[in-house]
Amino acid sequence: MPARRTASSFLPLLLTALLAAALACPTPEAAAGPIFDRLRERRAERAASGSTASGNGAANRQDDAAARRGSTPQHPLDPASIVPGSRRLVESYGPHPAQVMDVYLPPHPQHAPVIVMVHGGAWKVGDKANPGLMDNKLARWLPKGYVLASINYRMLPDAMALEQAGDVAAAVRRVADAAPGWGADPSRIILMGHSAGAHLVALVSSAPSLLDRPVAGAVVLDSAAMDVPAIMQRRHLGFYDEAFGKNPSYWIKASPQQQWTTGAVPMLLVCSTKRADRPCAAAEALAAKTARAGRKTPVLPQALTHGEINHLLGLPGAYTDAVDGFISARLEEAAR
């Protein structure tokens, strides 16, 4: 017959259980350590680049391995499955292999507006054909006769944030130059970006000197990196150091908050209310700066996750309608 356990014999088991619970739910002090910082970085990279933790396990492991290599698997879409007669082109806008875009054309476009999409991924991972990046956007705007372009760009470690912004500007230049041949209108271009891509879109939109082609408006999807110097002067994830370096003058040049001028492209700032790093506060701060200069910059808070802000755009509902309304208003203004 087994010996009866005394109360003291349960103490090691109790301590083990308490330790496991503490590791599963770390205190703020523990969570500030380098191991947890790296875990937070990986979660941020996955969320921004479109990776998820659901679905097929083998596919997720493949996605994780690709993300560690600095890229994600491509899932190009067939636009003809959305609108019969639509087609996808692959266009280069520079000599580097990453300077390429997918261009989705509706059937028989004439003076079509163009949405240029910039993917996210912590400035270091991601792809123009990330799962979920273009699906709902194509379903919304392709039937309305829009041309949509989804761009790749050089990423870390090959290019830091300012160089990446230069790639976005070069892609816009190529879109504007090629638009007449596509049946599109080069004066009716809308920039759109998510996460790190949202930062790049906000930066080139805030600093018109970075763009040499007109842009009618910009949709900034959930960037917390609107005030780069403020981020860099407090505790931050390591990929910010990779993207922005250690030089305060570089931080200013790469910061939408500091670069914004009255000649900026009109922006809609979409932000998640579910993020701990408070992107809506960053958006409101930029909107307040523009208001002081007599320019209204709408902020659109959404009770959605960082990934949902991107993936759900295009689905029927108030969120998509609000973004679509901004785009339509900007295109009408550009046509005057």
Protein backbone atom coordinates (compact mmCIF):
# COMPACT_ATOMS: atom_id res chain seq x y z
CA MET A 1 0.00 0.00 0.00
CA PRO A 2 1.50 3.36 -1.04
CA ALA A 3 2.71 5.57 1.76
CA ARG A 4 0.47 8.52 2.60
CA ARG A 5 1.93 11.79 1.38
CA THR A 6 2.50 14.42 4.01
CA ALA A 7 1.73 18.09 3.42
CA SER A 8 5.43 18.81 3.13
CA SER A 9 5.78 16.31 0.29
CA PHE A 10 3.44 18.42 -1.82
CA LEU A 11 5.59 21.53 -1.42
CA PRO A 12 7.96 20.80 -4.33
CA LEU A 13 4.98 20.14 -6.60
CA LEU A 14 3.34 23.36 -5.49
CA LEU A 15 6.51 25.37 -6.10
CA THR A 16 6.90 23.81 -9.55
CA ALA A 17 3.32 24.72 -10.44
CA LEU A 18 3.80 28.29 -9.22
CA LEU A 19 7.00 28.65 -11.24
CA ALA A 20 5.30 27.36 -14.38
CA ALA A 21 2.47 29.84 -13.88
CA ALA A 22 4.93 32.68 -13.41
CA LEU A 23 6.72 31.82 -16.64
CA ALA A 24 3.45 31.56 -18.53
CA CYS A 25 2.30 34.96 -17.21
CA PRO A 26 5.48 36.95 -16.61
CA THR A 27 5.53 40.07 -14.54
CA PRO A 28 6.22 43.36 -16.34
CA GLU A 29 9.79 43.25 -15.04
CA ALA A 30 10.35 39.75 -16.40
CA ALA A 31 8.66 40.59 -19.67
CA ALA A 32 11.13 43.41 -20.16
CA GLY A 33 14.04 40.99 -20.47
CA PRO A 34 15.80 40.21 -23.75
CA ILE A 35 14.22 36.76 -24.16
CA PHE A 36 10.73 38.17 -23.93
CA ASP A 37 11.70 41.10 -26.14
CA ARG A 38 12.73 38.64 -28.84
CA LEU A 39 9.49 36.69 -28.47
CA ARG A 40 7.57 39.94 -28.83
CA GLU A 41 9.61 40.77 -31.93
CA ARG A 42 8.79 37.42 -33.51
CA ARG A 43 5.09 37.88 -32.75
CA ALA A 44 5.20 41.39 -34.22
CA GLU A 45 6.97 40.20 -37.36
CA ARG A 46 4.48 37.35 -37.83
CA ALA A 47 1.47 39.62 -37.30
CA ALA A 48 2.77 42.28 -39.67
CA SER A 49 3.82 39.90 -42.44
CA GLY A 50 0.57 37.93 -42.39
CA SER A 51 1.70 34.72 -40.68
CA THR A 52 -0.84 33.12 -38.36
CA ALA A 53 -0.82 30.42 -35.75
CA SER A 54 -3.87 28.64 -37.10
CA GLY A 55 -4.40 26.20 -39.92
CA ASN A 56 -2.09 23.52 -41.26
CA GLY A 57 0.86 22.87 -38.95
CA ALA A 58 3.28 21.94 -41.75
CA ALA A 59 2.36 25.06 -43.67
CA ASN A 60 2.89 27.19 -40.58
CA ARG A 61 6.32 25.64 -40.00
CA GLN A 62 7.16 26.40 -43.63
CA ASP A 63 6.03 30.00 -43.14
CA ASP A 64 8.14 30.28 -39.97
CA ALA A 65 11.24 28.97 -41.74
CA ALA A 66 10.71 31.38 -44.60
CA ALA A 67 10.28 34.27 -42.17
CA ARG A 68 13.60 33.37 -40.53
CA ARG A 69 15.21 33.58 -43.97
CA GLY A 70 13.78 37.06 -44.38
CA SER A 71 10.97 36.20 -46.79
CA THR A 72 7.53 34.61 -46.80
CA PRO A 73 6.00 32.14 -49.23
CA GLN A 74 4.28 33.76 -52.20
CA HIS A 75 0.61 33.09 -52.84
CA PRO A 76 -0.13 35.03 -56.05
CA LEU A 77 -3.81 35.56 -56.73
CA ASP A 78 -5.64 35.01 -59.99
CA PRO A 79 -7.78 38.14 -60.38
CA ALA A 80 -9.89 36.41 -63.04
CA SER A 81 -11.36 34.30 -60.24
CA ILE A 82 -12.75 37.55 -58.80
CA VAL A 83 -13.67 39.41 -62.00
CA PRO A 84 -13.58 37.36 -65.23
CA GLY A 85 -11.29 38.98 -67.76
CA SER A 86 -9.02 40.53 -65.12
CA ARG A 87 -5.30 39.79 -65.26
CA ARG A 88 -2.12 40.10 -63.23
CA LEU A 89 1.11 41.65 -64.50
CA VAL A 90 4.52 41.50 -62.84
CA GLU A 91 6.36 44.81 -63.26
CA SER A 92 9.86 45.84 -62.20
CA TYR A 93 10.47 49.37 -60.96
CA GLY A 94 14.22 49.11 -60.33
CA PRO A 95 17.29 46.91 -60.84
CA HIS A 96 17.14 45.06 -57.51
CA PRO A 97 15.21 41.74 -57.54
CA ALA A 98 13.02 43.03 -54.70
CA GLN A 99 11.96 46.10 -56.70
CA VAL A 100 8.98 44.43 -58.32
CA MET A 101 5.20 44.65 -58.11
CA ASP A 102 2.10 42.65 -58.96
CA VAL A 103 -0.35 44.76 -60.96
CA TYR A 104 -3.98 43.62 -61.04
CA LEU A 105 -5.95 44.98 -64.00
CA PRO A 106 -9.74 44.86 -64.37
CA PRO A 107 -11.12 44.04 -67.81
CA HIS A 108 -11.00 47.02 -70.19
CA PRO A 109 -9.90 49.72 -67.70
CA GLN A 110 -10.33 53.34 -68.78
CA HIS A 111 -8.89 56.20 -66.71
CA ALA A 112 -8.99 53.80 -63.77
CA PRO A 113 -7.85 54.89 -60.30
CA VAL A 114 -4.92 52.96 -58.83
CA ILE A 115 -4.37 51.66 -55.30
CA VAL A 116 -0.70 50.95 -54.53
CA MET A 117 -0.36 48.55 -51.56
CA VAL A 118 2.80 48.33 -49.41
CA HIS A 119 3.00 45.19 -47.23
CA GLY A 120 4.29 45.10 -43.66
CA GLY A 121 6.71 42.86 -41.80
CA ALA A 122 8.83 44.91 -39.37
CA TRP A 123 10.87 46.32 -42.28
CA LYS A 124 12.52 42.88 -42.62
CA VAL A 125 10.05 40.21 -43.79
CA GLY A 126 6.93 40.00 -45.93
CA ASP A 127 5.90 39.84 -49.56
CA LYS A 128 3.58 41.49 -52.06
CA ALA A 129 1.59 38.24 -52.19
CA ASN A 130 1.34 37.55 -48.44
CA PRO A 131 -1.71 35.41 -47.61
CA GLY A 132 -4.64 37.69 -46.90
CA LEU A 133 -2.90 40.85 -48.09
CA MET A 134 -4.78 41.44 -51.34
CA ASP A 135 -7.73 39.00 -51.32
CA ASN A 136 -10.43 41.21 -49.81
CA LYS A 137 -9.01 44.40 -51.29
CA LEU A 138 -9.23 42.94 -54.79
CA ALA A 139 -12.74 41.66 -54.08
CA ARG A 140 -13.79 45.19 -53.09
CA TRP A 141 -12.05 47.43 -55.60
CA LEU A 142 -11.38 45.32 -58.70
CA PRO A 143 -15.12 45.02 -59.55
CA LYS A 144 -15.33 48.82 -59.21
CA GLY A 145 -12.81 49.18 -62.03
CA TYR A 146 -9.73 49.99 -59.95
CA VAL A 147 -6.22 48.92 -60.84
CA LEU A 148 -4.38 47.55 -57.78
CA ALA A 149 -0.61 47.20 -57.43
CA SER A 150 1.10 45.33 -54.58
CA ILE A 151 4.80 46.09 -54.27
CA ASN A 152 7.87 44.40 -52.90
CA TYR A 153 10.79 46.51 -51.75
CA ARG A 154 14.28 46.05 -50.35
CA MET A 155 14.23 45.10 -46.69
CA LEU A 156 16.60 44.74 -43.77
CA PRO A 157 19.50 44.16 -43.75
CA ASP A 158 19.87 45.34 -47.38
CA ALA A 159 18.01 48.62 -46.85
CA MET A 160 17.02 50.65 -43.80
CA ALA A 161 13.76 52.56 -43.48
CA LEU A 162 14.71 55.64 -45.52
CA GLU A 163 15.97 53.50 -48.38
CA GLN A 164 12.76 51.48 -48.22
CA ALA A 165 10.77 54.72 -48.44
CA GLY A 166 12.80 55.54 -51.53
CA ASP A 167 11.68 52.24 -53.03
CA VAL A 168 8.04 53.12 -52.34
CA ALA A 169 8.55 56.45 -54.12
CA ALA A 170 10.21 54.66 -57.06
CA ALA A 171 7.28 52.26 -57.27
CA VAL A 172 4.84 55.19 -57.38
CA ARG A 173 6.93 56.73 -60.15
CA ARG A 174 6.72 53.51 -62.18
CA VAL A 175 2.97 53.23 -61.59
CA ALA A 176 2.42 56.82 -62.74
CA ASP A 177 4.57 56.35 -65.84
CA ALA A 178 2.97 53.03 -66.79
CA ALA A 179 -0.61 53.94 -65.89
CA PRO A 180 -1.73 55.20 -69.33
CA GLY A 181 -0.63 51.92 -70.89
CA TRP A 182 -2.72 50.04 -68.33
CA GLY A 183 -5.79 52.18 -68.95
CA ALA A 184 -5.28 53.91 -65.60
CA ASP A 185 -5.12 57.57 -64.60
CA PRO A 186 -1.72 58.68 -63.20
CA SER A 187 -3.36 61.59 -61.37
CA ARG A 188 -5.63 59.24 -59.37
CA ILE A 189 -3.19 57.17 -57.33
CA ILE A 190 -3.97 56.12 -53.75
CA LEU A 191 -1.15 54.85 -51.54
CA MET A 192 -1.98 52.23 -48.92
CA GLY A 193 0.29 50.42 -46.45
CA HIS A 194 0.07 48.19 -43.40
CA SER A 195 2.36 48.09 -40.34
CA ALA A 196 5.94 48.82 -41.50
CA GLY A 197 4.44 49.50 -44.91
CA ALA A 198 2.08 51.98 -43.25
CA HIS A 199 5.08 53.80 -41.79
CA LEU A 200 6.69 53.99 -45.24
CA VAL A 201 3.45 55.28 -46.79
CA ALA A 202 3.04 57.85 -44.00
CA LEU A 203 6.64 58.97 -44.43
CA VAL A 204 6.56 59.56 -48.19
CA SER A 205 3.12 61.16 -47.82
CA SER A 206 4.29 63.50 -45.05
CA ALA A 207 7.44 64.57 -46.89
CA PRO A 208 6.41 65.48 -50.45
CA SER A 209 10.07 65.92 -51.40
CA LEU A 210 10.35 62.12 -51.34
CA LEU A 211 7.70 61.81 -54.08
CA ASP A 212 8.13 63.11 -57.60
CA ARG A 213 4.68 62.02 -58.82
CA PRO A 214 1.29 63.24 -57.56
CA VAL A 215 -0.61 61.04 -55.12
CA ALA A 216 -4.29 61.75 -54.45
CA GLY A 217 -4.37 60.29 -50.95
CA ALA A 218 -2.90 57.75 -48.56
CA VAL A 219 -4.44 55.12 -46.28
CA VAL A 220 -2.16 54.32 -43.33
CA LEU A 221 -3.14 50.96 -41.79
CA ASP A 222 -2.04 50.70 -38.16
CA SER A 223 1.46 52.10 -37.81
CA ALA A 224 2.78 52.88 -34.34
CA ALA A 225 5.97 54.33 -35.87
CA MET A 226 4.68 57.83 -36.55
CA ASP A 227 7.08 59.52 -34.12
CA VAL A 228 10.36 57.67 -34.54
CA PRO A 229 12.49 59.76 -32.13
CA ALA A 230 9.96 59.14 -29.34
CA ILE A 231 10.11 55.39 -29.97
CA MET A 232 13.89 55.28 -30.06
CA GLN A 233 14.26 57.20 -26.79
CA ARG A 234 12.23 54.68 -24.79
CA ARG A 235 12.41 50.91 -24.47
CA HIS A 236 11.65 49.38 -27.87
CA LEU A 237 11.91 46.15 -29.82
CA GLY A 238 15.21 45.35 -31.50
CA PHE A 239 13.99 45.61 -35.08
CA TYR A 240 13.52 49.37 -34.57
CA ASP A 241 17.30 49.64 -34.12
CA GLU A 242 17.78 47.71 -37.35
CA ALA A 243 15.33 49.90 -39.25
CA PHE A 244 16.33 53.31 -37.83
CA GLY A 245 19.86 52.91 -36.49
CA LYS A 246 21.42 54.89 -33.66
CA ASN A 247 21.68 58.37 -35.20
CA PRO A 248 19.04 60.86 -33.94
CA SER A 249 19.25 62.84 -37.18
CA TYR A 250 18.28 59.69 -39.09
CA TRP A 251 15.34 59.17 -36.74
CA ILE A 252 14.03 62.63 -37.60
CA LYS A 253 14.42 62.08 -41.36
CA ALA A 254 12.55 58.77 -41.10
CA SER A 255 9.72 60.07 -38.88
CA PRO A 256 6.33 61.11 -40.33
CA GLN A 257 5.61 63.27 -37.26
CA GLN A 258 8.77 65.34 -37.78
CA GLN A 259 8.68 65.36 -41.60
CA TRP A 260 5.07 66.41 -42.08
CA THR A 261 4.54 69.70 -43.90
CA THR A 262 1.48 71.52 -45.21
CA GLY A 263 2.27 70.16 -48.68
CA ALA A 264 1.75 66.60 -47.45
CA VAL A 265 -0.49 64.08 -49.17
CA PRO A 266 -3.87 63.86 -47.36
CA MET A 267 -3.94 60.76 -45.16
CA LEU A 268 -6.46 58.56 -43.38
CA LEU A 269 -4.89 57.06 -40.25
CA VAL A 270 -6.44 53.70 -39.32
CA CYS A 271 -5.39 52.31 -35.93
CA SER A 272 -6.08 49.33 -33.69
CA THR A 273 -7.46 50.00 -30.22
CA LYS A 274 -6.31 46.52 -29.13
CA ARG A 275 -2.55 47.10 -29.30
CA ALA A 276 -0.51 47.71 -26.17
CA ASP A 277 1.80 50.15 -27.99
CA ARG A 278 -1.15 52.52 -28.63
CA PRO A 279 -0.96 53.30 -32.34
CA CYS A 280 -4.08 55.44 -32.01
CA ALA A 281 -2.20 57.81 -29.70
CA ALA A 282 0.53 58.14 -32.35
CA ALA A 283 -2.11 58.76 -35.02
CA GLU A 284 -3.90 61.37 -32.90
CA ALA A 285 -0.61 63.17 -32.24
CA LEU A 286 0.07 63.49 -35.97
CA ALA A 287 -3.53 64.55 -36.60
CA ALA A 288 -3.18 67.23 -33.91
CA LYS A 289 -0.05 68.58 -35.61
CA THR A 290 -1.81 68.79 -38.97
CA ALA A 291 -4.83 70.48 -37.33
CA ARG A 292 -2.59 73.19 -35.87
CA ALA A 293 -1.52 73.92 -39.45
CA GLY A 294 -5.12 74.04 -40.66
CA ARG A 295 -5.16 70.57 -42.24
CA LYS A 296 -7.62 67.89 -41.17
CA THR A 297 -6.25 64.35 -40.94
CA PRO A 298 -8.97 61.85 -40.04
CA VAL A 299 -8.17 59.07 -37.56
CA LEU A 300 -10.18 55.85 -37.78
CA PRO A 301 -9.84 53.73 -34.59
CA GLN A 302 -10.93 50.11 -34.97
CA ALA A 303 -11.51 47.43 -32.33
CA LEU A 304 -9.55 44.97 -34.46
CA THR A 305 -6.18 43.30 -34.08
CA HIS A 306 -3.14 44.49 -36.00
CA GLY A 307 -3.57 41.71 -38.56
CA GLU A 308 -7.33 42.17 -38.86
CA ILE A 309 -6.87 45.85 -39.72
CA ASN A 310 -5.14 44.62 -42.87
CA HIS A 311 -6.87 41.35 -43.72
CA LEU A 312 -10.46 42.47 -43.14
CA LEU A 313 -10.22 45.62 -45.25
CA GLY A 314 -12.42 45.06 -48.27
CA LEU A 315 -15.07 42.96 -46.55
CA PRO A 316 -18.54 44.53 -46.42
CA GLY A 317 -19.06 46.65 -43.32
CA ALA A 318 -18.59 50.03 -41.70
CA TYR A 319 -14.78 49.77 -41.60
CA THR A 320 -14.40 49.19 -45.34
CA ASP A 321 -17.09 51.77 -46.09
CA ALA A 322 -15.19 54.42 -44.12
CA VAL A 323 -11.94 53.71 -45.96
CA ASP A 324 -13.75 53.57 -49.29
CA GLY A 325 -15.41 56.90 -48.53
CA PHE A 326 -12.05 58.54 -47.89
CA ILE A 327 -10.63 57.08 -51.12
CA SER A 328 -13.62 58.24 -53.16
CA ALA A 329 -13.42 61.75 -51.72
CA ARG A 330 -9.72 62.00 -52.50
CA LEU A 331 -10.24 60.78 -56.07
CA GLU A 332 -13.04 63.29 -56.60
CA GLU A 333 -10.78 66.06 -55.34
CA ALA A 334 -7.97 64.93 -57.67
CA ALA A 335 -10.33 65.01 -60.65
CA ARG A 336 -11.22 68.68 -60.11
